[in-house]
Amino acid sequence: MAGHRLDPDSLGDHIDRLYRAAWSLTGSREEAEDLVQETFARVLARPRWVTRANDVGYLLSALTNTHRSRRRSRQRRPVLVPALEDDQLADVRAGATPERHLETSELYAAIAELPGEFREAVVAVDVVGLSYREAAEHLRVPEATIATRVHRGRKRLAARLG
């Protein structure tokens, strides 16, 4: 497979999809912002060659790996009581309503609570918009496994939110 160099100038084109993926992984808007920034910092630290997937698939892999690293290092730290968050505030983007923001927050929090294999499949397919094939390449599992994990993840989400 021929590869191409990841263009640093094109990273901004993917920020919305990666932010939604990060929010789904973390369950928090603030943590999602930090995760995307840290991922971009790691990716921009040196030239990257994309050989297995498209740019979004590669960036999702980098985001997922950064999230796993952060979670592992967080587990080694003492537990702190979190400060009050402003998750109930309305999204400041144009057209967003407080109700819509609350629904989105609830959905991303529910995705973040899914078991890891279901969460990663749902994020790749439903949040980022990768095809089952691209998600299978990203997660390094068979395409049928992705279909099963997405189905089961959606079922759990529906039960949780329904």
Protein backbone atom coordinates (compact mmCIF):
# COMPACT_ATOMS: atom_id res chain seq x y z
CA MET A 1 0.00 0.00 0.00
CA ALA A 2 1.31 3.40 -0.91
CA GLY A 3 1.09 5.99 1.78
CA HIS A 4 1.03 9.73 1.97
CA ARG A 5 2.35 12.29 4.39
CA LEU A 6 -0.24 13.70 6.77
CA ASP A 7 -0.61 17.38 5.95
CA PRO A 8 -0.44 19.40 9.20
CA ASP A 9 -2.47 22.17 7.58
CA SER A 10 -5.40 19.78 7.04
CA LEU A 11 -5.78 18.82 10.72
CA GLY A 12 -8.27 21.63 11.29
CA ASP A 13 -10.58 20.03 8.72
CA HIS A 14 -11.11 17.09 11.07
CA ILE A 15 -11.37 18.86 14.42
CA ASP A 16 -15.17 18.61 14.73
CA ARG A 17 -15.25 14.86 14.14
CA LEU A 18 -12.33 14.27 16.51
CA TYR A 19 -13.90 16.50 19.16
CA ARG A 20 -17.13 14.49 19.01
CA ALA A 21 -15.12 11.27 19.23
CA ALA A 22 -13.15 12.61 22.20
CA TRP A 23 -16.33 13.74 23.96
CA SER A 24 -17.78 10.27 23.44
CA LEU A 25 -14.65 8.64 24.86
CA THR A 26 -14.34 10.92 27.88
CA GLY A 27 -17.93 11.94 28.61
CA SER A 28 -16.81 15.51 29.30
CA ARG A 29 -16.55 18.54 27.00
CA GLU A 30 -13.51 19.91 28.81
CA GLU A 31 -11.66 16.59 28.80
CA ALA A 32 -12.53 16.20 25.12
CA GLU A 33 -10.97 19.58 24.31
CA ASP A 34 -7.82 18.63 26.21
CA LEU A 35 -7.68 15.22 24.53
CA VAL A 36 -7.95 16.69 21.02
CA GLN A 37 -5.28 19.30 21.81
CA GLU A 38 -2.92 16.69 23.21
CA THR A 39 -3.52 14.42 20.21
CA PHE A 40 -2.78 17.23 17.76
CA ALA A 41 0.36 18.13 19.73
CA ARG A 42 1.58 14.54 19.48
CA VAL A 43 0.75 14.26 15.78
CA LEU A 44 2.42 17.58 14.97
CA ALA A 45 5.57 16.71 16.94
CA ARG A 46 7.03 14.95 13.90
CA PRO A 47 6.04 14.13 10.29
CA ARG A 48 3.49 11.32 10.03
CA TRP A 49 2.91 8.89 7.17
CA VAL A 50 -0.57 7.51 6.68
CA THR A 51 -0.49 4.07 5.07
CA ARG A 52 -3.39 1.99 6.37
CA ALA A 53 -6.33 4.36 6.33
CA ASN A 54 -7.44 7.83 5.46
CA ASP A 55 -6.42 10.85 7.53
CA VAL A 56 -9.49 10.65 9.77
CA GLY A 57 -8.86 6.98 10.53
CA TYR A 58 -5.25 7.72 11.40
CA LEU A 59 -6.22 10.67 13.60
CA LEU A 60 -8.88 8.57 15.35
CA SER A 61 -6.21 5.97 16.08
CA ALA A 62 -3.95 8.66 17.50
CA LEU A 63 -6.83 10.07 19.56
CA THR A 64 -7.75 6.63 20.92
CA ASN A 65 -4.13 5.85 21.81
CA THR A 66 -3.75 9.22 23.54
CA HIS A 67 -6.96 8.58 25.48
CA ARG A 68 -5.73 5.15 26.60
CA SER A 69 -2.38 6.61 27.70
CA ARG A 70 -4.11 9.37 29.66
CA ARG A 71 -6.44 6.86 31.32
CA ARG A 72 -3.53 4.61 32.33
CA SER A 73 -1.56 7.49 33.81
CA ARG A 74 -4.68 8.79 35.58
CA GLN A 75 -5.15 5.38 37.24
CA ARG A 76 -1.72 5.72 38.83
CA ARG A 77 -2.61 9.07 40.42
CA PRO A 78 -4.57 9.60 43.63
CA VAL A 79 -8.31 10.20 43.19
CA LEU A 80 -9.37 13.83 43.50
CA VAL A 81 -12.88 15.15 43.99
CA PRO A 82 -13.85 17.02 40.81
CA ALA A 83 -15.03 20.61 40.95
CA LEU A 84 -18.50 21.49 39.78
CA GLU A 85 -18.69 21.49 36.00
CA ASP A 86 -20.75 23.71 33.78
CA ASP A 87 -22.07 20.83 31.64
CA GLN A 88 -25.61 22.09 32.15
CA LEU A 89 -24.86 25.42 30.46
CA ALA A 90 -26.10 25.94 26.94
CA ASP A 91 -23.72 25.40 24.06
CA VAL A 92 -22.54 28.78 22.83
CA ARG A 93 -22.54 27.72 19.18
CA ALA A 94 -25.19 29.29 17.01
CA GLY A 95 -28.44 27.36 16.87
CA ALA A 96 -27.80 25.19 19.92
CA THR A 97 -30.51 25.08 22.54
CA PRO A 98 -30.11 24.14 26.19
CA GLU A 99 -32.30 21.07 25.58
CA ARG A 100 -30.18 19.97 22.63
CA HIS A 101 -27.00 20.46 24.66
CA LEU A 102 -28.41 18.39 27.51
CA GLU A 103 -29.37 15.59 25.10
CA THR A 104 -25.91 15.65 23.53
CA SER A 105 -24.20 15.65 26.93
CA GLU A 106 -26.33 12.73 28.06
CA LEU A 107 -25.59 10.79 24.88
CA TYR A 108 -21.83 11.32 25.07
CA ALA A 109 -21.81 10.43 28.76
CA ALA A 110 -23.71 7.22 27.97
CA ILE A 111 -21.24 6.35 25.20
CA ALA A 112 -18.34 6.98 27.58
CA GLU A 113 -19.87 4.46 30.03
CA LEU A 114 -20.00 1.64 27.45
CA PRO A 115 -17.46 -1.18 27.82
CA GLY A 116 -14.28 -0.33 25.89
CA GLU A 117 -14.78 -2.54 22.84
CA PHE A 118 -18.36 -1.33 22.29
CA ARG A 119 -17.43 2.31 23.00
CA GLU A 120 -14.57 2.32 20.49
CA ALA A 121 -16.72 0.73 17.76
CA VAL A 122 -19.64 3.12 18.32
CA VAL A 123 -17.31 6.14 18.37
CA ALA A 124 -15.57 5.06 15.16
CA VAL A 125 -18.78 4.35 13.23
CA ASP A 126 -21.50 6.57 14.70
CA VAL A 127 -19.56 9.55 16.01
CA VAL A 128 -16.63 9.86 13.61
CA GLY A 129 -18.47 8.38 10.64
CA LEU A 130 -16.00 5.74 9.53
CA SER A 131 -17.32 2.87 7.48
CA TYR A 132 -17.37 -0.56 9.09
CA ARG A 133 -14.36 -1.46 6.96
CA GLU A 134 -12.40 1.64 8.03
CA ALA A 135 -13.35 1.05 11.67
CA ALA A 136 -12.20 -2.57 11.39
CA GLU A 137 -8.83 -1.41 10.05
CA HIS A 138 -8.55 1.22 12.79
CA LEU A 139 -9.38 -1.21 15.58
CA ARG A 140 -7.58 -4.12 13.92
CA VAL A 141 -10.50 -6.54 14.12
CA PRO A 142 -12.63 -8.23 11.46
CA GLU A 143 -15.41 -6.17 9.90
CA ALA A 144 -18.04 -8.58 11.25
CA THR A 145 -16.73 -7.93 14.75
CA ILE A 146 -17.26 -4.20 14.23
CA ALA A 147 -20.84 -4.82 13.09
CA THR A 148 -21.52 -6.90 16.19
CA ARG A 149 -19.92 -4.41 18.57
CA VAL A 150 -21.75 -1.46 17.04
CA HIS A 151 -25.05 -3.33 17.22
CA ARG A 152 -24.54 -4.33 20.85
CA GLY A 153 -23.26 -0.87 21.76
CA ARG A 154 -26.30 0.80 20.19
CA LYS A 155 -28.57 -1.65 21.99
CA ARG A 156 -26.99 -0.76 25.33
CA LEU A 157 -27.27 2.95 24.54
CA ALA A 158 -30.92 2.60 23.65
CA ALA A 159 -31.61 0.75 26.89
CA ARG A 160 -29.68 3.35 28.89
CA LEU A 161 -31.27 6.37 27.23
CA GLY A 162 -34.68 4.90 26.38
